């Protein structure tokens, strides 16, 4: 294995991880900002008010994006299995 191969494989793995985590993180961020704006407008400073809507929004995003996420991870795994002989040398 060359350093270029290891670097390329590492970058592909990181890209896949970011693609898988991105939708849930983005939804959590947007919902958190919206709740924070609501809290600032109403001057409600309850810290636990943010957690339940964020958890529900992330769970809903997981349900919506799960088929796409499954395709991404299956493609990554299939690529690893197909190229397994190249990884061994």
C-alpha atoms as a PDB file:
ATOM      1  CA  UNK A   1       0.000   0.000   0.000  1.00  0.00           C
ATOM      2  CA  UNK A   2       1.306   3.366  -0.976  1.00  0.00           C
ATOM      3  CA  UNK A   3       0.809   6.529   1.047  1.00  0.00           C
ATOM      4  CA  UNK A   4      -1.320   7.914  -1.782  1.00  0.00           C
ATOM      5  CA  UNK A   5      -3.622   4.901  -1.618  1.00  0.00           C
ATOM      6  CA  UNK A   6      -4.031   5.171   2.154  1.00  0.00           C
ATOM      7  CA  UNK A   7      -4.699   8.909   1.896  1.00  0.00           C
ATOM      8  CA  UNK A   8      -7.273   8.378  -0.856  1.00  0.00           C
ATOM      9  CA  UNK A   9      -8.999   5.618   1.085  1.00  0.00           C
ATOM     10  CA  UNK A  10      -9.048   7.758   4.244  1.00  0.00           C
ATOM     11  CA  UNK A  11     -10.517  10.726   2.355  1.00  0.00           C
ATOM     12  CA  UNK A  12     -13.213   8.518   0.828  1.00  0.00           C
ATOM     13  CA  UNK A  13     -14.121   7.148   4.270  1.00  0.00           C
ATOM     14  CA  UNK A  14     -14.288  10.662   5.765  1.00  0.00           C
ATOM     15  CA  UNK A  15     -16.405  11.887   2.837  1.00  0.00           C
ATOM     16  CA  UNK A  16     -18.822   8.994   3.356  1.00  0.00           C
ATOM     17  CA  UNK A  17     -19.046   9.679   7.094  1.00  0.00           C
ATOM     18  CA  UNK A  18     -19.770  13.371   6.479  1.00  0.00           C
ATOM     19  CA  UNK A  19     -22.418  12.503   3.890  1.00  0.00           C
ATOM     20  CA  UNK A  20     -24.091  10.135   6.357  1.00  0.00           C
ATOM     21  CA  UNK A  21     -24.031  12.544   9.311  1.00  0.00           C
ATOM     22  CA  UNK A  22     -24.690  15.740   7.362  1.00  0.00           C
ATOM     23  CA  UNK A  23     -28.492  15.648   7.027  1.00  0.00           C
ATOM     24  CA  UNK A  24     -29.119  14.991  10.726  1.00  0.00           C
ATOM     25  CA  UNK A  25     -26.575  17.570  11.836  1.00  0.00           C
ATOM     26  CA  UNK A  26     -28.034  20.181   9.491  1.00  0.00           C
ATOM     27  CA  UNK A  27     -31.593  19.552  10.664  1.00  0.00           C
ATOM     28  CA  UNK A  28     -30.461  19.673  14.300  1.00  0.00           C
ATOM     29  CA  UNK A  29     -28.651  22.952  13.668  1.00  0.00           C
ATOM     30  CA  UNK A  30     -31.618  24.590  11.906  1.00  0.00           C
ATOM     31  CA  UNK A  31     -34.105  23.487  14.574  1.00  0.00           C
ATOM     32  CA  UNK A  32     -31.736  24.629  17.322  1.00  0.00           C
ATOM     33  CA  UNK A  33     -31.408  28.080  15.745  1.00  0.00           C
ATOM     34  CA  UNK A  34     -35.170  28.392  15.296  1.00  0.00           C
ATOM     35  CA  UNK A  35     -35.810  27.399  18.915  1.00  0.00           C
ATOM     36  CA  UNK A  36     -33.115  29.827  20.091  1.00  0.00           C
ATOM     37  CA  UNK A  37     -34.730  32.635  18.118  1.00  0.00           C
ATOM     38  CA  UNK A  38     -38.090  31.750  19.680  1.00  0.00           C
ATOM     39  CA  UNK A  39     -36.519  31.763  23.141  1.00  0.00           C
ATOM     40  CA  UNK A  40     -34.872  35.123  22.500  1.00  0.00           C
ATOM     41  CA  UNK A  41     -38.125  36.641  21.245  1.00  0.00           C
ATOM     42  CA  UNK A  42     -40.198  35.360  24.160  1.00  0.00           C
ATOM     43  CA  UNK A  43     -37.423  35.629  26.776  1.00  0.00           C
ATOM     44  CA  UNK A  44     -37.995  32.027  27.840  1.00  0.00           C
ATOM     45  CA  UNK A  45     -34.623  30.780  29.062  1.00  0.00           C
ATOM     46  CA  UNK A  46     -35.445  27.126  29.610  1.00  0.00           C
ATOM     47  CA  UNK A  47     -32.478  24.987  28.531  1.00  0.00           C
ATOM     48  CA  UNK A  48     -34.504  21.786  28.212  1.00  0.00           C
ATOM     49  CA  UNK A  49     -36.908  23.378  25.693  1.00  0.00           C
ATOM     50  CA  UNK A  50     -34.362  22.843  22.914  1.00  0.00           C
ATOM     51  CA  UNK A  51     -33.756  19.116  23.367  1.00  0.00           C
ATOM     52  CA  UNK A  52     -37.156  17.573  22.622  1.00  0.00           C
ATOM     53  CA  UNK A  53     -37.826  19.424  19.336  1.00  0.00           C
ATOM     54  CA  UNK A  54     -34.253  18.761  18.186  1.00  0.00           C
ATOM     55  CA  UNK A  55     -34.533  15.052  18.993  1.00  0.00           C
ATOM     56  CA  UNK A  56     -37.850  14.792  17.148  1.00  0.00           C
ATOM     57  CA  UNK A  57     -36.507  16.712  14.146  1.00  0.00           C
ATOM     58  CA  UNK A  58     -33.380  14.561  13.943  1.00  0.00           C
ATOM     59  CA  UNK A  59     -35.471  11.382  14.230  1.00  0.00           C
ATOM     60  CA  UNK A  60     -37.750  12.616  11.428  1.00  0.00           C
ATOM     61  CA  UNK A  61     -34.722  13.502   9.284  1.00  0.00           C
ATOM     62  CA  UNK A  62     -33.339  10.019   9.897  1.00  0.00           C
ATOM     63  CA  UNK A  63     -36.602   8.483   8.669  1.00  0.00           C
ATOM     64  CA  UNK A  64     -36.633  10.697   5.583  1.00  0.00           C
ATOM     65  CA  UNK A  65     -32.961  10.310   4.647  1.00  0.00           C
ATOM     66  CA  UNK A  66     -32.523   6.652   5.658  1.00  0.00           C
ATOM     67  CA  UNK A  67     -33.031   5.134   2.164  1.00  0.00           C
ATOM     68  CA  UNK A  68     -30.440   7.498   0.685  1.00  0.00           C
ATOM     69  CA  UNK A  69     -28.035   6.882   3.580  1.00  0.00           C
ATOM     70  CA  UNK A  70     -28.437   3.136   3.124  1.00  0.00           C
ATOM     71  CA  UNK A  71     -27.535   3.431  -0.575  1.00  0.00           C
ATOM     72  CA  UNK A  72     -24.428   5.487   0.286  1.00  0.00           C
ATOM     73  CA  UNK A  73     -23.131   3.018   2.869  1.00  0.00           C
ATOM     74  CA  UNK A  74     -23.953   0.012   0.655  1.00  0.00           C
ATOM     75  CA  UNK A  75     -22.041   1.569  -2.246  1.00  0.00           C
ATOM     76  CA  UNK A  76     -19.060   2.263   0.016  1.00  0.00           C
ATOM     77  CA  UNK A  77     -19.114  -1.292   1.373  1.00  0.00           C
ATOM     78  CA  UNK A  78     -19.581  -2.831  -2.079  1.00  0.00           C
ATOM     79  CA  UNK A  79     -16.617  -0.798  -3.366  1.00  0.00           C
ATOM     80  CA  UNK A  80     -14.485  -2.078  -0.467  1.00  0.00           C
ATOM     81  CA  UNK A  81     -15.449  -5.696  -1.110  1.00  0.00           C
ATOM     82  CA  UNK A  82     -14.894  -5.457  -4.873  1.00  0.00           C
ATOM     83  CA  UNK A  83     -11.442  -3.903  -4.390  1.00  0.00           C
ATOM     84  CA  UNK A  84     -10.438  -6.185  -1.504  1.00  0.00           C
ATOM     85  CA  UNK A  85      -7.707  -7.890  -3.525  1.00  0.00           C
ATOM     86  CA  UNK A  86      -6.142  -4.505  -4.270  1.00  0.00           C
ATOM     87  CA  UNK A  87      -6.140  -3.634  -0.547  1.00  0.00           C
ATOM     88  CA  UNK A  88      -4.282  -6.803   0.447  1.00  0.00           C
ATOM     89  CA  UNK A  89      -1.264  -6.269  -1.809  1.00  0.00           C
END
